Amino acid sequence: MKSDLLRTMIERFQEAGDDWQTKLKIGNMLRQWIRNFYADDFEGESGCLDMLDTFLGEIEEHEDKKVQKLAKTIAQSLEQQEKEYEKLATIRERPKRDLVRQMGVPTKFKFSEADPRTVAEVLCVCVFFFFLRYINLIVKRNV
């Protein structure tokens, strides 16, 4: 379906001939499509990316300088979205550290033997963070 839309847009661009306004509209629509829906429509769709690369290669060799510039802006949008997608993918792949497992669980901890002031400080910090989360939830609901 996505490849059909892309194919139709490319055909319309080629049929436009010398009609610069039509070519510009199609080029801008392609650029916005790439900017807003790259991850959904292009990533993983090698057919669409191949078709788009072939199309960009063809219009970059066009004799009209305006068409060449349009191809360059579309290619830049594509490169930018590819970089952003890769950056997000590497962020998602990073495993979260399990600090309790790394530090180990205390085996013989007893509240009765702990310093009461330290226990009170830790509890205050915990209550404070719960309070902040609660306030954030209220603010988000009211916005």
C-alpha atoms as a PDB file:
ATOM      1  CA  MET A   1       0.000   0.000   0.000  1.00  0.00           C
ATOM      2  CA  LYS A   2       2.790   2.415   0.929  1.00  0.00           C
ATOM      3  CA  SER A   3       4.728   1.381  -2.139  1.00  0.00           C
ATOM      4  CA  ASP A   4       1.629   2.000  -4.286  1.00  0.00           C
ATOM      5  CA  LEU A   5       1.336   5.537  -2.939  1.00  0.00           C
ATOM      6  CA  LEU A   6       5.032   6.188  -3.491  1.00  0.00           C
ATOM      7  CA  ARG A   7       4.866   4.740  -7.013  1.00  0.00           C
ATOM      8  CA  THR A   8       1.852   6.948  -7.822  1.00  0.00           C
ATOM      9  CA  MET A   9       3.625  10.051  -6.525  1.00  0.00           C
ATOM     10  CA  ILE A  10       6.732   9.268  -8.578  1.00  0.00           C
ATOM     11  CA  GLU A  11       4.642   8.681 -11.710  1.00  0.00           C
ATOM     12  CA  ARG A  12       2.790  11.962 -11.147  1.00  0.00           C
ATOM     13  CA  PHE A  13       6.115  13.771 -10.709  1.00  0.00           C
ATOM     14  CA  GLN A  14       7.395  12.330 -13.995  1.00  0.00           C
ATOM     15  CA  GLU A  15       4.135  13.115 -15.825  1.00  0.00           C
ATOM     16  CA  ALA A  16       4.297  16.750 -14.694  1.00  0.00           C
ATOM     17  CA  GLY A  17       6.893  17.505 -17.367  1.00  0.00           C
ATOM     18  CA  ASP A  18       7.782  21.206 -17.099  1.00  0.00           C
ATOM     19  CA  ASP A  19       5.078  22.011 -14.530  1.00  0.00           C
ATOM     20  CA  TRP A  20       7.308  23.179 -11.675  1.00  0.00           C
ATOM     21  CA  GLN A  21       4.424  23.825  -9.257  1.00  0.00           C
ATOM     22  CA  THR A  22       3.247  20.218  -9.448  1.00  0.00           C
ATOM     23  CA  LYS A  23       6.773  18.889  -9.027  1.00  0.00           C
ATOM     24  CA  LEU A  24       7.322  21.181  -6.043  1.00  0.00           C
ATOM     25  CA  LYS A  25       4.081  20.070  -4.373  1.00  0.00           C
ATOM     26  CA  ILE A  26       4.918  16.394  -4.851  1.00  0.00           C
ATOM     27  CA  GLY A  27       8.472  16.940  -3.610  1.00  0.00           C
ATOM     28  CA  ASN A  28       7.288  18.780  -0.503  1.00  0.00           C
ATOM     29  CA  MET A  29       4.698  16.104   0.170  1.00  0.00           C
ATOM     30  CA  LEU A  30       7.393  13.419  -0.070  1.00  0.00           C
ATOM     31  CA  ARG A  31       9.651  15.407   2.255  1.00  0.00           C
ATOM     32  CA  GLN A  32       6.893  15.825   4.851  1.00  0.00           C
ATOM     33  CA  TRP A  33       5.963  12.153   4.576  1.00  0.00           C
ATOM     34  CA  ILE A  34       9.571  11.191   5.267  1.00  0.00           C
ATOM     35  CA  ARG A  35       9.897  13.655   8.162  1.00  0.00           C
ATOM     36  CA  ASN A  36       6.693  12.650   9.909  1.00  0.00           C
ATOM     37  CA  PHE A  37       6.260   8.957   9.140  1.00  0.00           C
ATOM     38  CA  TYR A  38       9.726   7.560   8.379  1.00  0.00           C
ATOM     39  CA  ALA A  39       9.704   4.979  11.174  1.00  0.00           C
ATOM     40  CA  ASP A  40       6.183   3.797  10.319  1.00  0.00           C
ATOM     41  CA  ASP A  41       6.275   3.759   6.535  1.00  0.00           C
ATOM     42  CA  PHE A  42       9.884   3.530   5.351  1.00  0.00           C
ATOM     43  CA  GLU A  43      11.978   1.732   7.974  1.00  0.00           C
ATOM     44  CA  GLY A  44      11.924  -1.981   7.258  1.00  0.00           C
ATOM     45  CA  GLU A  45      10.290  -1.412   3.860  1.00  0.00           C
ATOM     46  CA  SER A  46      13.289  -2.002   1.625  1.00  0.00           C
ATOM     47  CA  GLY A  47      11.093  -1.821  -1.480  1.00  0.00           C
ATOM     48  CA  CYS A  48       9.974   1.707  -0.648  1.00  0.00           C
ATOM     49  CA  LEU A  49      13.497   2.819   0.225  1.00  0.00           C
ATOM     50  CA  ASP A  50      14.910   1.318  -2.978  1.00  0.00           C
ATOM     51  CA  MET A  51      12.192   2.962  -5.050  1.00  0.00           C
ATOM     52  CA  LEU A  52      12.814   6.304  -3.331  1.00  0.00           C
ATOM     53  CA  ASP A  53      16.599   6.029  -3.795  1.00  0.00           C
ATOM     54  CA  THR A  54      16.171   5.248  -7.497  1.00  0.00           C
ATOM     55  CA  PHE A  55      13.795   8.179  -7.911  1.00  0.00           C
ATOM     56  CA  LEU A  56      16.140  10.572  -6.097  1.00  0.00           C
ATOM     57  CA  GLY A  57      19.061   9.377  -8.220  1.00  0.00           C
ATOM     58  CA  GLU A  58      17.079  10.081 -11.390  1.00  0.00           C
ATOM     59  CA  ILE A  59      15.966  13.574 -10.441  1.00  0.00           C
ATOM     60  CA  GLU A  60      19.395  14.565  -9.064  1.00  0.00           C
ATOM     61  CA  GLU A  61      20.664  14.171 -12.644  1.00  0.00           C
ATOM     62  CA  HIS A  62      17.859  16.351 -14.037  1.00  0.00           C
ATOM     63  CA  GLU A  63      18.994  19.371 -16.065  1.00  0.00           C
ATOM     64  CA  ASP A  64      16.745  21.766 -14.127  1.00  0.00           C
ATOM     65  CA  LYS A  65      18.615  23.207 -11.124  1.00  0.00           C
ATOM     66  CA  LYS A  66      15.381  23.647  -9.153  1.00  0.00           C
ATOM     67  CA  VAL A  67      14.587  19.948  -9.490  1.00  0.00           C
ATOM     68  CA  GLN A  68      18.132  19.068  -8.394  1.00  0.00           C
ATOM     69  CA  LYS A  69      17.757  21.277  -5.319  1.00  0.00           C
ATOM     70  CA  LEU A  70      14.404  19.655  -4.515  1.00  0.00           C
ATOM     71  CA  ALA A  71      16.021  16.210  -4.770  1.00  0.00           C
ATOM     72  CA  LYS A  72      18.771  17.368  -2.433  1.00  0.00           C
ATOM     73  CA  THR A  73      16.299  18.549   0.232  1.00  0.00           C
ATOM     74  CA  ILE A  74      14.364  15.268   0.037  1.00  0.00           C
ATOM     75  CA  ALA A  75      17.622  13.297   0.350  1.00  0.00           C
ATOM     76  CA  GLN A  76      18.667  15.413   3.355  1.00  0.00           C
ATOM     77  CA  SER A  77      15.333  14.742   5.057  1.00  0.00           C
ATOM     78  CA  LEU A  78      15.771  11.028   4.416  1.00  0.00           C
ATOM     79  CA  GLU A  79      19.311  11.016   5.848  1.00  0.00           C
ATOM     80  CA  GLN A  80      18.220  12.998   8.906  1.00  0.00           C
ATOM     81  CA  GLN A  81      15.350  10.625   9.651  1.00  0.00           C
ATOM     82  CA  GLU A  82      17.601   7.588   9.187  1.00  0.00           C
ATOM     83  CA  LYS A  83      20.059   9.036  11.734  1.00  0.00           C
ATOM     84  CA  GLU A  84      17.302   9.849  14.224  1.00  0.00           C
ATOM     85  CA  TYR A  85      15.794   6.380  13.833  1.00  0.00           C
ATOM     86  CA  GLU A  86      19.175   4.726  14.419  1.00  0.00           C
ATOM     87  CA  LYS A  87      19.752   6.914  17.490  1.00  0.00           C
ATOM     88  CA  LEU A  88      16.376   5.942  18.946  1.00  0.00           C
ATOM     89  CA  ALA A  89      16.989   2.281  18.155  1.00  0.00           C
ATOM     90  CA  THR A  90      20.294   2.282  20.048  1.00  0.00           C
ATOM     91  CA  ILE A  91      18.653   3.991  23.026  1.00  0.00           C
ATOM     92  CA  ARG A  92      15.930   1.322  23.102  1.00  0.00           C
ATOM     93  CA  GLU A  93      18.502  -1.485  22.887  1.00  0.00           C
ATOM     94  CA  ARG A  94      20.498  -0.387  25.936  1.00  0.00           C
ATOM     95  CA  PRO A  95      19.686  -2.641  28.859  1.00  0.00           C
ATOM     96  CA  LYS A  96      18.648  -0.968  32.082  1.00  0.00           C
ATOM     97  CA  ARG A  97      20.992  -1.619  34.936  1.00  0.00           C
ATOM     98  CA  ASP A  98      19.608  -3.538  37.853  1.00  0.00           C
ATOM     99  CA  LEU A  99      21.417  -1.844  40.718  1.00  0.00           C
ATOM    100  CA  VAL A 100      19.988  -4.131  43.402  1.00  0.00           C
ATOM    101  CA  ARG A 101      21.317  -7.163  41.593  1.00  0.00           C
ATOM    102  CA  GLN A 102      24.712  -5.495  41.054  1.00  0.00           C
ATOM    103  CA  MET A 103      25.073  -4.378  44.667  1.00  0.00           C
ATOM    104  CA  GLY A 104      23.468  -7.424  46.153  1.00  0.00           C
ATOM    105  CA  VAL A 105      20.602  -7.603  48.601  1.00  0.00           C
ATOM    106  CA  PRO A 106      21.571  -7.126  52.239  1.00  0.00           C
ATOM    107  CA  THR A 107      21.254 -10.504  53.891  1.00  0.00           C
ATOM    108  CA  LYS A 108      21.193  -9.604  57.567  1.00  0.00           C
ATOM    109  CA  PHE A 109      19.644  -6.146  57.705  1.00  0.00           C
ATOM    110  CA  LYS A 110      17.582  -5.339  60.799  1.00  0.00           C
ATOM    111  CA  PHE A 111      15.699  -2.084  61.280  1.00  0.00           C
ATOM    112  CA  SER A 112      16.145  -2.403  65.027  1.00  0.00           C
ATOM    113  CA  GLU A 113      19.925  -2.214  64.636  1.00  0.00           C
ATOM    114  CA  ALA A 114      19.938   0.616  62.071  1.00  0.00           C
ATOM    115  CA  ASP A 115      20.573   4.210  63.042  1.00  0.00           C
ATOM    116  CA  PRO A 116      17.098   5.759  63.555  1.00  0.00           C
ATOM    117  CA  ARG A 117      18.166   9.079  62.043  1.00  0.00           C
ATOM    118  CA  THR A 118      19.372   7.383  58.816  1.00  0.00           C
ATOM    119  CA  VAL A 119      16.153   5.373  58.540  1.00  0.00           C
ATOM    120  CA  ALA A 120      14.119   8.572  59.022  1.00  0.00           C
ATOM    121  CA  GLU A 121      16.139  10.407  56.344  1.00  0.00           C
ATOM    122  CA  VAL A 122      15.659   7.581  53.835  1.00  0.00           C
ATOM    123  CA  LEU A 123      11.927   7.413  54.551  1.00  0.00           C
ATOM    124  CA  CYS A 124      11.616  11.203  54.121  1.00  0.00           C
ATOM    125  CA  VAL A 125      13.338  11.024  50.744  1.00  0.00           C
ATOM    126  CA  CYS A 126      11.048   8.166  49.654  1.00  0.00           C
ATOM    127  CA  VAL A 127       7.917  10.030  50.770  1.00  0.00           C
ATOM    128  CA  PHE A 128       9.147  13.152  48.967  1.00  0.00           C
ATOM    129  CA  PHE A 129       9.552  11.261  45.671  1.00  0.00           C
ATOM    130  CA  PHE A 130       6.091   9.700  46.028  1.00  0.00           C
ATOM    131  CA  PHE A 131       4.686  13.168  46.696  1.00  0.00           C
ATOM    132  CA  LEU A 132       6.373  14.538  43.546  1.00  0.00           C
ATOM    133  CA  ARG A 133       4.914  11.721  41.435  1.00  0.00           C
ATOM    134  CA  TYR A 134       1.472  12.372  42.892  1.00  0.00           C
ATOM    135  CA  ILE A 135       1.723  16.117  42.151  1.00  0.00           C
ATOM    136  CA  ASN A 136       2.880  15.371  38.582  1.00  0.00           C
ATOM    137  CA  LEU A 137      -0.128  13.084  38.055  1.00  0.00           C
ATOM    138  CA  ILE A 138      -2.507  15.787  39.272  1.00  0.00           C
ATOM    139  CA  VAL A 139      -0.890  18.420  37.051  1.00  0.00           C
ATOM    140  CA  LYS A 140      -1.040  16.143  33.985  1.00  0.00           C
ATOM    141  CA  ARG A 141      -4.736  15.442  34.556  1.00  0.00           C
ATOM    142  CA  ASN A 142      -5.572  19.138  34.826  1.00  0.00           C
ATOM    143  CA  VAL A 143      -3.661  20.126  31.688  1.00  0.00           C
END
